[in-house]
Amino acid sequence: MVVASTVNDKGEEIYPVKWNHDFIDLPEVKDQRTPTFTAEEIGTIISKAERQYQVLYALLPGTGLRIEEAFAPQVEDIEGSVIRVRHSMWKGELYSPKTAAGVRHLHPLHPK
């Protein structure tokens, strides 16, 4: 749930929202599993992958790209060791990022 207020010309909230966490009885999240791979496990995955997938499996953890961003770079988006993220690809179609923060430069790429 997103609750926000409109803002005035100065960016200040007109109707600020004050949360009462006790009243809304938020659930406590415990022992949430956030699976990750170690560098050694990533190396094993890359070494066992078929050739065409090795670059993809190295690119994702090395850059933090989302999978739909990893399929979207155009030739002009790659300059030396820098990748310019300007698109996402979904079902074969290029899309602009949802927010301005989605457009970014990833540099430098890992040397290995």
N, C-alpha and C. Protein backbone atom coordinates (compact mmCIF):
# COMPACT_ATOMS: atom_id res chain seq x y z
N MET A 1 0.84 -1.17 0.00
CA MET A 1 0.00 0.00 0.00
C MET A 1 0.89 1.23 0.00
N VAL A 2 0.61 2.17 -0.85
CA VAL A 2 1.35 3.42 -0.92
C VAL A 2 0.40 4.54 -0.53
N VAL A 3 0.81 5.31 0.45
CA VAL A 3 0.03 6.46 0.87
C VAL A 3 0.96 7.66 0.82
N ALA A 4 0.55 8.70 0.11
CA ALA A 4 1.38 9.89 -0.01
C ALA A 4 0.48 11.10 -0.13
N SER A 5 1.08 12.24 0.06
CA SER A 5 0.35 13.49 -0.03
C SER A 5 0.77 14.24 -1.28
N THR A 6 -0.11 15.08 -1.76
CA THR A 6 0.31 16.00 -2.83
C THR A 6 1.27 17.00 -2.22
N VAL A 7 2.07 17.62 -3.06
CA VAL A 7 3.06 18.58 -2.57
C VAL A 7 2.80 19.95 -3.19
N ASN A 8 3.30 20.98 -2.50
CA ASN A 8 3.16 22.34 -3.02
C ASN A 8 4.34 22.67 -3.93
N ASP A 9 4.44 23.93 -4.35
CA ASP A 9 5.50 24.36 -5.27
C ASP A 9 6.91 24.17 -4.71
N LYS A 10 7.02 24.10 -3.39
CA LYS A 10 8.33 23.94 -2.74
C LYS A 10 8.65 22.46 -2.46
N GLY A 11 7.75 21.57 -2.87
CA GLY A 11 7.97 20.14 -2.65
C GLY A 11 7.58 19.68 -1.26
N GLU A 12 6.88 20.53 -0.50
CA GLU A 12 6.45 20.16 0.85
C GLU A 12 5.08 19.50 0.78
N GLU A 13 4.87 18.49 1.62
CA GLU A 13 3.58 17.80 1.64
C GLU A 13 2.48 18.74 2.11
N ILE A 14 1.36 18.73 1.43
CA ILE A 14 0.22 19.55 1.82
C ILE A 14 -0.56 18.86 2.93
N TYR A 15 -0.73 17.56 2.83
CA TYR A 15 -1.45 16.76 3.83
C TYR A 15 -0.53 15.63 4.30
N PRO A 16 0.44 15.95 5.17
CA PRO A 16 1.39 14.91 5.58
C PRO A 16 0.69 13.73 6.27
N VAL A 17 1.20 12.56 6.03
CA VAL A 17 0.65 11.34 6.61
C VAL A 17 1.51 10.94 7.80
N LYS A 18 0.88 10.74 8.95
CA LYS A 18 1.59 10.28 10.14
C LYS A 18 1.12 8.87 10.44
N TRP A 19 2.06 7.92 10.48
CA TRP A 19 1.72 6.52 10.71
C TRP A 19 1.68 6.21 12.19
N ASN A 20 0.69 5.45 12.59
CA ASN A 20 0.60 4.91 13.93
C ASN A 20 0.79 3.40 13.79
N HIS A 21 2.03 2.94 13.93
CA HIS A 21 2.36 1.54 13.68
C HIS A 21 1.65 0.58 14.64
N ASP A 22 1.38 1.03 15.87
CA ASP A 22 0.67 0.16 16.81
C ASP A 22 -0.78 -0.02 16.38
N PHE A 23 -1.40 1.04 15.91
CA PHE A 23 -2.81 0.99 15.52
C PHE A 23 -3.03 0.10 14.30
N ILE A 24 -2.13 0.19 13.30
CA ILE A 24 -2.35 -0.58 12.09
C ILE A 24 -1.85 -2.02 12.21
N ASP A 25 -1.19 -2.34 13.34
CA ASP A 25 -0.80 -3.71 13.64
C ASP A 25 0.00 -4.36 12.51
N LEU A 26 1.13 -3.73 12.15
CA LEU A 26 1.98 -4.26 11.10
C LEU A 26 2.56 -5.61 11.52
N PRO A 27 2.63 -6.56 10.60
CA PRO A 27 3.23 -7.86 10.95
C PRO A 27 4.75 -7.73 11.06
N GLU A 28 5.32 -8.50 11.95
CA GLU A 28 6.77 -8.52 12.09
C GLU A 28 7.33 -9.59 11.16
N VAL A 29 8.27 -9.21 10.32
CA VAL A 29 8.87 -10.15 9.38
C VAL A 29 10.15 -10.69 10.01
N LYS A 30 10.17 -12.01 10.20
CA LYS A 30 11.33 -12.65 10.82
C LYS A 30 11.92 -13.69 9.88
N ASP A 31 13.20 -13.87 9.98
CA ASP A 31 13.90 -14.93 9.25
C ASP A 31 13.57 -14.95 7.76
N GLN A 32 13.53 -13.76 7.17
CA GLN A 32 13.25 -13.68 5.74
C GLN A 32 14.48 -14.17 4.98
N ARG A 33 14.27 -15.06 4.08
CA ARG A 33 15.37 -15.65 3.30
C ARG A 33 15.66 -14.79 2.09
N THR A 34 16.88 -14.33 1.96
CA THR A 34 17.29 -13.58 0.78
C THR A 34 18.48 -14.32 0.15
N PRO A 35 18.17 -15.27 -0.74
CA PRO A 35 19.23 -16.12 -1.28
C PRO A 35 20.22 -15.33 -2.14
N THR A 36 21.48 -15.65 -1.96
CA THR A 36 22.55 -15.05 -2.75
C THR A 36 23.56 -16.13 -3.09
N PHE A 37 24.39 -15.85 -4.08
CA PHE A 37 25.46 -16.76 -4.46
C PHE A 37 26.79 -16.17 -4.03
N THR A 38 27.70 -17.02 -3.62
CA THR A 38 29.06 -16.58 -3.31
C THR A 38 29.80 -16.40 -4.64
N ALA A 39 30.94 -15.73 -4.60
CA ALA A 39 31.75 -15.55 -5.80
C ALA A 39 32.16 -16.91 -6.37
N GLU A 40 32.46 -17.85 -5.49
CA GLU A 40 32.85 -19.19 -5.94
C GLU A 40 31.70 -19.89 -6.65
N GLU A 41 30.49 -19.77 -6.10
CA GLU A 41 29.32 -20.39 -6.73
C GLU A 41 29.03 -19.76 -8.10
N ILE A 42 29.19 -18.45 -8.19
CA ILE A 42 28.99 -17.77 -9.48
C ILE A 42 30.00 -18.27 -10.50
N GLY A 43 31.25 -18.42 -10.07
CA GLY A 43 32.27 -18.96 -10.96
C GLY A 43 31.93 -20.36 -11.45
N THR A 44 31.40 -21.19 -10.57
CA THR A 44 31.00 -22.55 -10.94
C THR A 44 29.85 -22.51 -11.94
N ILE A 45 28.86 -21.66 -11.68
CA ILE A 45 27.71 -21.52 -12.59
C ILE A 45 28.18 -21.11 -13.98
N ILE A 46 29.06 -20.12 -14.04
CA ILE A 46 29.57 -19.63 -15.33
C ILE A 46 30.36 -20.72 -16.05
N SER A 47 31.21 -21.43 -15.31
CA SER A 47 32.04 -22.45 -15.95
C SER A 47 31.23 -23.64 -16.47
N LYS A 48 30.09 -23.92 -15.86
CA LYS A 48 29.26 -25.05 -16.29
C LYS A 48 28.19 -24.67 -17.31
N ALA A 49 28.05 -23.37 -17.55
CA ALA A 49 27.02 -22.91 -18.50
C ALA A 49 27.47 -23.14 -19.94
N GLU A 50 26.49 -23.26 -20.83
CA GLU A 50 26.80 -23.33 -22.25
C GLU A 50 27.38 -21.98 -22.69
N ARG A 51 28.20 -21.99 -23.72
CA ARG A 51 28.95 -20.79 -24.12
C ARG A 51 28.10 -19.54 -24.26
N GLN A 52 26.93 -19.64 -24.92
CA GLN A 52 26.14 -18.45 -25.17
C GLN A 52 25.56 -17.85 -23.89
N TYR A 53 25.51 -18.63 -22.80
CA TYR A 53 24.96 -18.13 -21.55
C TYR A 53 26.03 -17.65 -20.58
N GLN A 54 27.31 -17.98 -20.83
CA GLN A 54 28.36 -17.60 -19.90
C GLN A 54 28.45 -16.08 -19.72
N VAL A 55 28.35 -15.33 -20.79
CA VAL A 55 28.43 -13.86 -20.68
C VAL A 55 27.25 -13.34 -19.88
N LEU A 56 26.07 -13.84 -20.14
CA LEU A 56 24.88 -13.40 -19.40
C LEU A 56 25.03 -13.69 -17.92
N TYR A 57 25.47 -14.90 -17.57
CA TYR A 57 25.61 -15.28 -16.16
C TYR A 57 26.73 -14.51 -15.47
N ALA A 58 27.68 -14.01 -16.20
CA ALA A 58 28.72 -13.16 -15.62
C ALA A 58 28.24 -11.71 -15.53
N LEU A 59 27.47 -11.27 -16.53
CA LEU A 59 27.00 -9.89 -16.60
C LEU A 59 26.03 -9.55 -15.47
N LEU A 60 25.10 -10.43 -15.19
CA LEU A 60 24.07 -10.13 -14.18
C LEU A 60 24.65 -9.85 -12.79
N PRO A 61 25.43 -10.75 -12.20
CA PRO A 61 25.97 -10.44 -10.87
C PRO A 61 27.07 -9.39 -10.91
N GLY A 62 27.76 -9.28 -12.04
CA GLY A 62 28.86 -8.31 -12.14
C GLY A 62 28.39 -6.88 -12.27
N THR A 63 27.15 -6.67 -12.70
CA THR A 63 26.65 -5.32 -12.93
C THR A 63 25.42 -4.97 -12.10
N GLY A 64 24.68 -5.98 -11.65
CA GLY A 64 23.44 -5.72 -10.95
C GLY A 64 22.27 -5.45 -11.88
N LEU A 65 22.48 -5.70 -13.17
CA LEU A 65 21.40 -5.51 -14.14
C LEU A 65 20.24 -6.46 -13.84
N ARG A 66 19.04 -6.00 -14.09
CA ARG A 66 17.88 -6.88 -14.07
C ARG A 66 17.90 -7.65 -15.39
N ILE A 67 17.26 -8.81 -15.39
CA ILE A 67 17.31 -9.66 -16.58
C ILE A 67 16.73 -8.95 -17.80
N GLU A 68 15.65 -8.18 -17.63
CA GLU A 68 15.06 -7.49 -18.77
C GLU A 68 15.94 -6.36 -19.27
N GLU A 69 16.83 -5.83 -18.41
CA GLU A 69 17.80 -4.81 -18.83
C GLU A 69 18.98 -5.45 -19.55
N ALA A 70 19.35 -6.66 -19.14
CA ALA A 70 20.50 -7.35 -19.73
C ALA A 70 20.25 -7.71 -21.19
N PHE A 71 18.99 -7.89 -21.58
CA PHE A 71 18.67 -8.22 -22.96
C PHE A 71 18.45 -6.99 -23.83
N ALA A 72 18.48 -5.79 -23.26
CA ALA A 72 18.09 -4.59 -23.99
C ALA A 72 19.21 -3.71 -24.54
N PRO A 73 20.48 -3.83 -24.13
CA PRO A 73 21.49 -2.90 -24.65
C PRO A 73 21.60 -2.94 -26.17
N GLN A 74 21.77 -1.78 -26.74
CA GLN A 74 22.00 -1.63 -28.17
C GLN A 74 23.50 -1.38 -28.35
N VAL A 75 24.00 -1.52 -29.56
CA VAL A 75 25.43 -1.35 -29.83
C VAL A 75 25.91 0.01 -29.30
N GLU A 76 25.12 1.06 -29.52
CA GLU A 76 25.53 2.40 -29.09
C GLU A 76 25.50 2.59 -27.58
N ASP A 77 24.97 1.62 -26.83
CA ASP A 77 24.92 1.71 -25.37
C ASP A 77 26.18 1.19 -24.70
N ILE A 78 27.09 0.62 -25.48
CA ILE A 78 28.31 0.05 -24.91
C ILE A 78 29.51 0.84 -25.44
N GLU A 79 30.23 1.46 -24.50
CA GLU A 79 31.44 2.22 -24.85
C GLU A 79 32.56 1.78 -23.93
N GLY A 80 33.52 1.02 -24.46
CA GLY A 80 34.62 0.52 -23.65
C GLY A 80 34.09 -0.38 -22.55
N SER A 81 34.33 0.00 -21.29
CA SER A 81 33.88 -0.81 -20.16
C SER A 81 32.62 -0.24 -19.51
N VAL A 82 31.91 0.64 -20.23
CA VAL A 82 30.70 1.27 -19.70
C VAL A 82 29.47 0.79 -20.47
N ILE A 83 28.43 0.42 -19.73
CA ILE A 83 27.14 0.09 -20.35
C ILE A 83 26.14 1.16 -19.93
N ARG A 84 25.49 1.75 -20.92
CA ARG A 84 24.45 2.73 -20.64
C ARG A 84 23.11 2.00 -20.65
N VAL A 85 22.40 2.04 -19.53
CA VAL A 85 21.11 1.39 -19.41
C VAL A 85 20.04 2.42 -19.78
N ARG A 86 19.35 2.17 -20.91
CA ARG A 86 18.31 3.09 -21.38
C ARG A 86 17.00 2.39 -21.65
N HIS A 87 17.02 1.05 -21.67
CA HIS A 87 15.82 0.30 -22.04
C HIS A 87 15.71 -0.97 -21.22
N SER A 88 14.54 -1.53 -21.26
CA SER A 88 14.27 -2.89 -20.80
C SER A 88 13.62 -3.62 -21.96
N MET A 89 13.73 -4.93 -21.98
CA MET A 89 13.09 -5.69 -23.04
C MET A 89 12.09 -6.65 -22.41
N TRP A 90 10.88 -6.64 -22.97
CA TRP A 90 9.85 -7.55 -22.51
C TRP A 90 9.12 -8.09 -23.72
N LYS A 91 9.11 -9.41 -23.85
CA LYS A 91 8.47 -10.08 -24.98
C LYS A 91 8.95 -9.54 -26.32
N GLY A 92 10.26 -9.28 -26.41
CA GLY A 92 10.87 -8.84 -27.66
C GLY A 92 10.70 -7.37 -27.96
N GLU A 93 10.09 -6.60 -27.08
CA GLU A 93 9.87 -5.17 -27.29
C GLU A 93 10.74 -4.36 -26.34
N LEU A 94 11.34 -3.27 -26.84
CA LEU A 94 12.11 -2.37 -25.99
C LEU A 94 11.17 -1.38 -25.30
N TYR A 95 11.42 -1.16 -24.02
CA TYR A 95 10.64 -0.21 -23.23
C TYR A 95 11.57 0.73 -22.50
N SER A 96 11.09 1.94 -22.23
CA SER A 96 11.84 2.88 -21.40
C SER A 96 11.68 2.48 -19.94
N PRO A 97 12.67 2.79 -19.11
CA PRO A 97 12.54 2.49 -17.69
C PRO A 97 11.33 3.20 -17.08
N LYS A 98 10.79 2.63 -16.00
CA LYS A 98 9.62 3.20 -15.34
C LYS A 98 9.94 4.55 -14.69
N THR A 99 11.17 4.69 -14.19
CA THR A 99 11.55 5.93 -13.49
C THR A 99 12.85 6.46 -14.08
N ALA A 100 13.13 7.72 -13.78
CA ALA A 100 14.38 8.35 -14.24
C ALA A 100 15.60 7.63 -13.65
N ALA A 101 15.47 7.07 -12.46
CA ALA A 101 16.58 6.36 -11.83
C ALA A 101 16.96 5.09 -12.59
N GLY A 102 16.04 4.58 -13.43
CA GLY A 102 16.32 3.39 -14.22
C GLY A 102 17.31 3.64 -15.34
N VAL A 103 17.46 4.91 -15.76
CA VAL A 103 18.44 5.26 -16.79
C VAL A 103 19.75 5.55 -16.06
N ARG A 104 20.78 4.77 -16.39
CA ARG A 104 22.04 4.93 -15.66
C ARG A 104 23.21 4.38 -16.47
N HIS A 105 24.41 4.69 -16.00
CA HIS A 105 25.64 4.18 -16.60
C HIS A 105 26.26 3.21 -15.62
N LEU A 106 26.60 2.03 -16.10
CA LEU A 106 27.28 1.03 -15.27
C LEU A 106 28.75 1.03 -15.66
N HIS A 107 29.60 1.43 -14.72
CA HIS A 107 31.03 1.46 -15.04
C HIS A 107 31.84 1.40 -13.77
N PRO A 108 33.06 0.97 -13.85
CA PRO A 108 33.56 0.14 -14.96
C PRO A 108 33.07 -1.28 -14.77
N LEU A 109 33.00 -2.00 -15.87
CA LEU A 109 32.65 -3.41 -15.77
C LEU A 109 33.81 -4.16 -15.14
N HIS A 110 33.52 -5.25 -14.50
CA HIS A 110 34.55 -6.06 -13.84
C HIS A 110 35.53 -6.52 -14.92
N PRO A 111 36.85 -6.47 -14.64
CA PRO A 111 37.84 -6.80 -15.68
C PRO A 111 37.90 -8.26 -16.08
N LYS A 112 37.31 -9.18 -15.34
CA LYS A 112 37.43 -10.60 -15.65
C LYS A 112 36.23 -11.12 -16.37
